[in-house]
Amino acid sequence: MVKGIAIGFVAAAALAAGCLSGIRSSGSKADGWADLERRAGAGDAAALYELGMRQAQGVQGAPDWKAAARAIRAAAERGHPEAQRHLGELYARGLGVPPNAAQAAGWYRLAARQGVAEAQFNLGVRLATGNGAARDVQEALTWYRRAAEQQLPQAQYMLGVHYAAGAGVARDEAAAAAWYRKAADQGHAGAQYNLGLRCQEGRGTPTNRAEAVAWFRKAAAQHDADALFALGLCLYRGQGVEPDPIAGCVCFLRALAAGKTEAGEAVAVARAELPAEAYALAVREAERQELLRRRRAAP
């Protein structure tokens, strides 16, 4: 099945996950702050945008979202495309400005028209879900495609979701697999999982269980709960890989901890079937891997 219960849910989750991607500055505390303020004060759009990014980061102290929003708005009103995108994101999250879905969609649209891929994707999400803009799946697909053609993986993934579900387009498993592959090649975990399913089942691409396992491994390495569970099933049953029930149980345990409730039954089966020492080993290994993941994720 397609990762995600519904198109709107998948789209909204994708937007929430990536809403503030790209909030970063090219400068540092000592990197020409006075000159930047001088140029921003003179109305230079690029300087206003850079100033806003630095204020959002707290380069000169604590983050100041209200000041950042003022500077970014000034740049956006002067036509700066990235400022328009980020102003949309500020309205989407209510950072420095009151949350306003319609304002977010409006600024995304201005940036999208200037070719900003992330804005094209975010506008597509708004149109697909009717959040801040009238729901229009066909226009959403147009913007997803434009962003996908600029190699934005989340847009490629969403095209795969639409083709797999036949939402706004004729259902086409081959097209779904092709778009998932493009996103998967760029490291998108959801696309890697969905492509793995298609390789496993021969939907839209030739059946290749070994390749399915490879994609599940890549997504599982990003702590994707669905992929952890799928990889666990492959390892436990020996599908596309040499059977390794202990490693499979480790995946089940980690998938369950990541919120995959279906993994609970698999854990119960493994606990009943494995020798007590083997199950205890799987529990310790799952805990070790989770601890290592958390350490790597810590700032």
Protein backbone atom coordinates (compact mmCIF):
# COMPACT_ATOMS: atom_id res chain seq x y z
CA MET A 1 0.00 0.00 0.00
CA VAL A 2 1.03 3.62 -0.37
CA LYS A 3 2.89 4.96 2.62
CA GLY A 4 0.33 7.20 4.30
CA ILE A 5 -3.39 6.68 4.70
CA ALA A 6 -4.65 9.46 2.45
CA ILE A 7 -3.24 11.87 -0.10
CA GLY A 8 -4.17 14.88 2.02
CA PHE A 9 -2.59 13.35 5.13
CA VAL A 10 0.65 12.55 3.27
CA ALA A 11 0.77 16.04 1.78
CA ALA A 12 0.13 17.79 5.08
CA ALA A 13 2.71 15.67 6.86
CA ALA A 14 5.27 16.41 4.16
CA LEU A 15 4.68 20.14 4.51
CA ALA A 16 4.90 20.06 8.29
CA ALA A 17 8.16 18.12 8.16
CA GLY A 18 9.86 20.44 5.70
CA CYS A 19 8.18 23.77 6.31
CA LEU A 20 11.24 25.65 7.51
CA SER A 21 13.87 23.88 5.44
CA GLY A 22 16.48 26.31 4.23
CA ILE A 23 16.35 28.76 7.18
CA ARG A 24 20.05 29.34 7.19
CA SER A 25 22.47 32.15 6.64
CA SER A 26 25.68 32.25 4.68
CA GLY A 27 27.25 34.56 7.23
CA SER A 28 28.52 34.51 10.79
CA LYS A 29 28.73 36.92 13.72
CA ALA A 30 31.91 38.50 12.45
CA ASP A 31 30.98 38.44 8.80
CA GLY A 32 30.20 42.07 7.94
CA TRP A 33 27.20 42.65 10.22
CA ALA A 34 27.54 46.45 10.13
CA ASP A 35 27.83 46.45 6.35
CA LEU A 36 24.84 44.11 6.09
CA GLU A 37 22.72 46.44 8.24
CA ARG A 38 23.85 49.41 6.16
CA ARG A 39 22.84 47.74 2.89
CA ALA A 40 19.57 46.52 4.37
CA GLY A 41 18.83 50.02 5.61
CA ALA A 42 19.32 51.26 2.06
CA GLY A 43 16.62 48.86 0.88
CA ASP A 44 18.81 46.20 -0.76
CA ALA A 45 16.56 43.13 -1.07
CA ALA A 46 19.37 40.58 -0.84
CA ALA A 47 20.75 42.27 2.27
CA LEU A 48 17.31 42.44 3.88
CA TYR A 49 16.83 38.73 3.24
CA GLU A 50 20.25 37.84 4.65
CA LEU A 51 19.63 40.04 7.68
CA GLY A 52 16.33 38.31 8.33
CA MET A 53 17.94 34.89 8.06
CA ARG A 54 20.63 35.85 10.54
CA GLN A 55 18.08 37.29 12.96
CA ALA A 56 16.08 34.05 12.72
CA GLN A 57 19.24 32.10 13.53
CA GLY A 58 20.19 34.37 16.42
CA VAL A 59 23.58 35.16 14.90
CA GLN A 60 23.85 38.26 17.10
CA GLY A 61 22.28 36.61 20.16
CA ALA A 62 18.91 34.95 20.73
CA PRO A 63 16.71 34.40 17.66
CA ASP A 64 14.44 37.40 17.04
CA TRP A 65 11.58 36.11 14.89
CA LYS A 66 9.68 39.40 14.83
CA ALA A 67 12.69 41.32 13.55
CA ALA A 68 13.42 38.48 11.13
CA ALA A 69 9.87 38.59 9.79
CA ARG A 70 10.08 42.36 9.24
CA ALA A 71 13.32 42.08 7.30
CA ILE A 72 12.16 39.07 5.28
CA ARG A 73 8.88 40.81 4.46
CA ALA A 74 10.74 43.88 3.24
CA ALA A 75 12.84 41.69 0.97
CA ALA A 76 9.79 39.73 -0.20
CA GLU A 77 7.91 42.92 -1.06
CA ARG A 78 10.90 43.89 -3.21
CA GLY A 79 10.50 40.65 -5.18
CA HIS A 80 13.21 38.51 -3.58
CA PRO A 81 12.05 34.93 -4.37
CA GLU A 82 13.62 33.13 -1.40
CA ALA A 83 12.33 35.82 0.93
CA GLN A 84 8.85 35.27 -0.48
CA ARG A 85 9.16 31.55 0.19
CA HIS A 86 10.41 32.02 3.72
CA LEU A 87 7.77 34.61 4.51
CA GLY A 88 5.22 31.99 3.49
CA GLU A 89 6.87 29.55 5.88
CA LEU A 90 6.81 32.08 8.71
CA TYR A 91 3.06 32.56 8.19
CA ALA A 92 2.62 28.78 8.02
CA ARG A 93 4.28 28.32 11.41
CA GLY A 94 3.34 31.60 13.07
CA LEU A 95 6.95 32.59 13.65
CA GLY A 96 7.28 36.34 14.07
CA VAL A 97 3.83 36.83 12.57
CA PRO A 98 0.37 35.48 13.43
CA PRO A 99 -0.26 32.13 11.69
CA ASN A 100 -2.21 32.70 8.49
CA ALA A 101 -2.69 29.89 5.97
CA ALA A 102 -3.95 32.21 3.23
CA GLN A 103 -0.94 34.50 3.58
CA ALA A 104 1.36 31.47 3.53
CA ALA A 105 -0.21 30.20 0.31
CA GLY A 106 -0.09 33.65 -1.27
CA TRP A 107 3.60 34.14 -0.62
CA TYR A 108 4.37 30.59 -1.73
CA ARG A 109 2.60 31.35 -4.98
CA LEU A 110 4.70 34.44 -5.63
CA ALA A 111 7.91 32.50 -5.01
CA ALA A 112 6.65 29.51 -7.00
CA ARG A 113 6.04 31.73 -10.03
CA GLN A 114 9.71 32.76 -9.80
CA GLY A 115 10.77 29.13 -9.96
CA VAL A 116 11.58 28.36 -6.31
CA ALA A 117 11.15 24.58 -6.11
CA GLU A 118 10.39 24.42 -2.38
CA ALA A 119 7.68 27.07 -2.80
CA GLN A 120 6.22 25.17 -5.74
CA PHE A 121 6.01 22.06 -3.57
CA ASN A 122 4.54 23.91 -0.58
CA LEU A 123 1.97 25.59 -2.79
CA GLY A 124 1.09 22.20 -4.23
CA VAL A 125 0.48 20.88 -0.72
CA ARG A 126 -1.77 23.85 0.08
CA LEU A 127 -3.77 23.28 -3.08
CA ALA A 128 -4.00 19.52 -2.56
CA THR A 129 -5.31 19.95 1.00
CA GLY A 130 -7.29 23.17 0.59
CA ASN A 131 -5.24 24.77 3.37
CA GLY A 132 -5.07 28.50 2.70
CA ALA A 133 -6.14 28.09 -0.92
CA ALA A 134 -9.13 26.62 -2.72
CA ARG A 135 -8.59 22.88 -3.12
CA ASP A 136 -7.45 22.12 -6.65
CA VAL A 137 -5.69 18.79 -7.11
CA GLN A 138 -4.94 19.42 -10.77
CA GLU A 139 -3.13 22.67 -10.04
CA ALA A 140 -1.38 20.98 -7.13
CA LEU A 141 -0.05 18.35 -9.52
CA THR A 142 1.18 21.06 -11.88
CA TRP A 143 3.26 22.62 -9.11
CA TYR A 144 4.49 19.24 -7.82
CA ARG A 145 5.65 18.41 -11.33
CA ARG A 146 7.50 21.71 -11.71
CA ALA A 147 9.27 21.15 -8.42
CA ALA A 148 9.96 17.50 -9.27
CA GLU A 149 11.54 18.54 -12.55
CA GLN A 150 13.93 20.64 -10.46
CA GLN A 151 14.85 17.39 -8.63
CA LEU A 152 13.07 18.22 -5.37
CA PRO A 153 12.70 14.77 -3.78
CA GLN A 154 9.58 15.49 -1.74
CA ALA A 155 7.78 16.64 -4.89
CA GLN A 156 8.91 13.52 -6.76
CA TYR A 157 7.61 11.46 -3.85
CA MET A 158 4.22 13.18 -3.91
CA LEU A 159 3.87 12.54 -7.64
CA GLY A 160 4.53 8.89 -6.89
CA VAL A 161 1.81 8.94 -4.23
CA HIS A 162 -0.70 10.48 -6.65
CA TYR A 163 0.07 8.02 -9.45
CA ALA A 164 -0.10 5.09 -7.04
CA ALA A 165 -3.49 6.19 -5.71
CA GLY A 166 -4.90 7.52 -8.99
CA ALA A 167 -5.56 10.86 -7.29
CA GLY A 168 -5.96 13.57 -9.92
CA VAL A 169 -4.31 11.35 -12.52
CA ALA A 170 -5.02 7.92 -13.99
CA ARG A 171 -3.59 5.25 -11.72
CA ASP A 172 -0.23 4.21 -13.14
CA GLU A 173 1.99 1.89 -11.11
CA ALA A 174 4.91 2.26 -13.52
CA ALA A 175 4.83 6.04 -13.22
CA ALA A 176 4.50 5.75 -9.44
CA ALA A 177 7.54 3.48 -9.26
CA ALA A 178 9.54 5.78 -11.55
CA TRP A 179 8.84 8.87 -9.40
CA TYR A 180 9.51 6.95 -6.19
CA ARG A 181 12.84 5.83 -7.64
CA LYS A 182 13.85 9.40 -8.44
CA ALA A 183 13.09 10.49 -4.87
CA ALA A 184 14.59 7.33 -3.37
CA ASP A 185 17.85 7.91 -5.22
CA GLN A 186 18.01 11.26 -3.41
CA GLY A 187 17.52 9.66 0.00
CA HIS A 188 13.79 10.20 0.60
CA ALA A 189 12.86 7.55 3.18
CA GLY A 190 9.18 7.31 2.27
CA ALA A 191 10.04 6.86 -1.38
CA GLN A 192 12.65 4.22 -0.52
CA TYR A 193 10.06 2.27 1.45
CA ASN A 194 7.39 2.51 -1.25
CA LEU A 195 9.86 1.58 -3.97
CA GLY A 196 10.91 -1.40 -1.86
CA LEU A 197 7.29 -2.54 -1.72
CA ARG A 198 7.00 -2.30 -5.49
CA CYS A 199 10.20 -4.25 -6.02
CA GLN A 200 8.94 -6.89 -3.60
CA GLU A 201 5.53 -7.20 -5.24
CA GLY A 202 6.43 -6.47 -8.87
CA ARG A 203 4.14 -3.44 -9.10
CA GLY A 204 5.29 -0.99 -11.76
CA THR A 205 8.76 -2.51 -11.76
CA PRO A 206 10.12 -6.07 -12.12
CA THR A 207 9.95 -8.24 -9.01
CA ASN A 208 13.30 -8.13 -7.23
CA ARG A 209 13.21 -9.09 -3.57
CA ALA A 210 16.90 -8.47 -3.05
CA GLU A 211 16.48 -4.92 -4.33
CA ALA A 212 13.43 -4.54 -2.09
CA VAL A 213 15.55 -5.44 0.94
CA ALA A 214 18.19 -2.92 -0.13
CA TRP A 215 15.62 -0.13 -0.27
CA PHE A 216 14.06 -1.16 3.03
CA ARG A 217 17.53 -1.04 4.60
CA LYS A 218 18.12 2.50 3.33
CA ALA A 219 14.80 3.75 4.68
CA ALA A 220 15.21 1.84 7.95
CA ALA A 221 18.57 3.53 8.43
CA GLN A 222 16.59 6.78 8.56
CA HIS A 223 14.39 5.33 11.31
CA ASP A 224 11.37 4.89 9.05
CA ALA A 225 8.98 2.72 11.08
CA ASP A 226 7.30 1.12 8.06
CA ALA A 227 10.65 0.22 6.55
CA LEU A 228 11.95 -1.20 9.83
CA PHE A 229 8.92 -3.47 9.99
CA ALA A 230 9.19 -4.50 6.33
CA LEU A 231 12.90 -5.21 6.71
CA GLY A 232 12.17 -7.23 9.83
CA LEU A 233 9.70 -9.42 7.93
CA CYS A 234 12.26 -10.02 5.17
CA LEU A 235 14.99 -10.94 7.64
CA TYR A 236 12.77 -13.09 9.82
CA ARG A 237 11.29 -15.01 6.88
CA GLY A 238 14.36 -15.00 4.63
CA GLN A 239 12.68 -13.10 1.77
CA GLY A 240 15.29 -11.61 -0.56
CA VAL A 241 17.97 -12.19 2.04
CA GLU A 242 19.41 -15.00 4.14
CA PRO A 243 17.09 -15.62 7.11
CA ASP A 244 18.21 -13.97 10.33
CA PRO A 245 15.41 -14.21 12.91
CA ILE A 246 17.34 -12.32 15.59
CA ALA A 247 18.04 -9.37 13.26
CA GLY A 248 14.42 -9.52 12.16
CA CYS A 249 13.26 -9.34 15.76
CA VAL A 250 15.54 -6.34 16.33
CA CYS A 251 13.77 -4.57 13.47
CA PHE A 252 10.35 -5.49 14.87
CA LEU A 253 11.29 -4.07 18.26
CA ARG A 254 12.62 -0.84 16.76
CA ALA A 255 9.60 -0.49 14.48
CA LEU A 256 7.29 -0.89 17.47
CA ALA A 257 9.25 1.72 19.43
CA ALA A 258 8.95 4.05 16.42
CA GLY A 259 5.17 3.76 16.46
CA LYS A 260 4.44 0.88 14.07
CA THR A 261 1.73 -0.82 16.12
CA GLU A 262 1.48 -3.77 13.71
CA ALA A 263 4.98 -4.73 14.79
CA GLY A 264 3.64 -5.68 18.23
CA GLU A 265 2.18 -8.94 16.92
CA ALA A 266 5.45 -9.77 15.14
CA VAL A 267 7.35 -9.15 18.37
CA ALA A 268 4.99 -11.49 20.22
CA VAL A 269 5.48 -14.20 17.58
CA ALA A 270 9.26 -13.81 17.69
CA ARG A 271 9.27 -13.96 21.48
CA ALA A 272 7.29 -17.20 21.36
CA GLU A 273 9.38 -18.80 18.62
CA LEU A 274 12.92 -17.72 19.49
CA PRO A 275 14.95 -19.28 22.29
CA ALA A 276 14.88 -17.05 25.37
CA GLU A 277 18.56 -16.18 25.01
CA ALA A 278 18.10 -15.21 21.36
CA TYR A 279 15.13 -12.99 22.15
CA ALA A 280 17.05 -11.33 25.01
CA LEU A 281 19.93 -10.70 22.60
CA ALA A 282 17.53 -9.06 20.14
CA VAL A 283 16.16 -6.80 22.89
CA ARG A 284 19.66 -5.69 23.91
CA GLU A 285 20.67 -5.05 20.31
CA ALA A 286 17.51 -3.02 19.63
CA GLU A 287 18.23 -0.91 22.71
CA ARG A 288 21.85 -0.43 21.64
CA GLN A 289 20.87 0.67 18.13
CA GLU A 290 18.26 3.06 19.46
CA LEU A 291 20.72 4.61 21.90
CA LEU A 292 23.24 5.05 19.09
CA ARG A 293 20.58 6.68 16.88
CA ARG A 294 19.66 9.15 19.60
CA ARG A 295 23.26 10.08 20.20
CA ARG A 296 23.78 10.75 16.50
CA ALA A 297 20.60 12.83 16.35
CA ALA A 298 21.53 14.95 19.37
CA PRO A 299 22.68 18.50 18.57
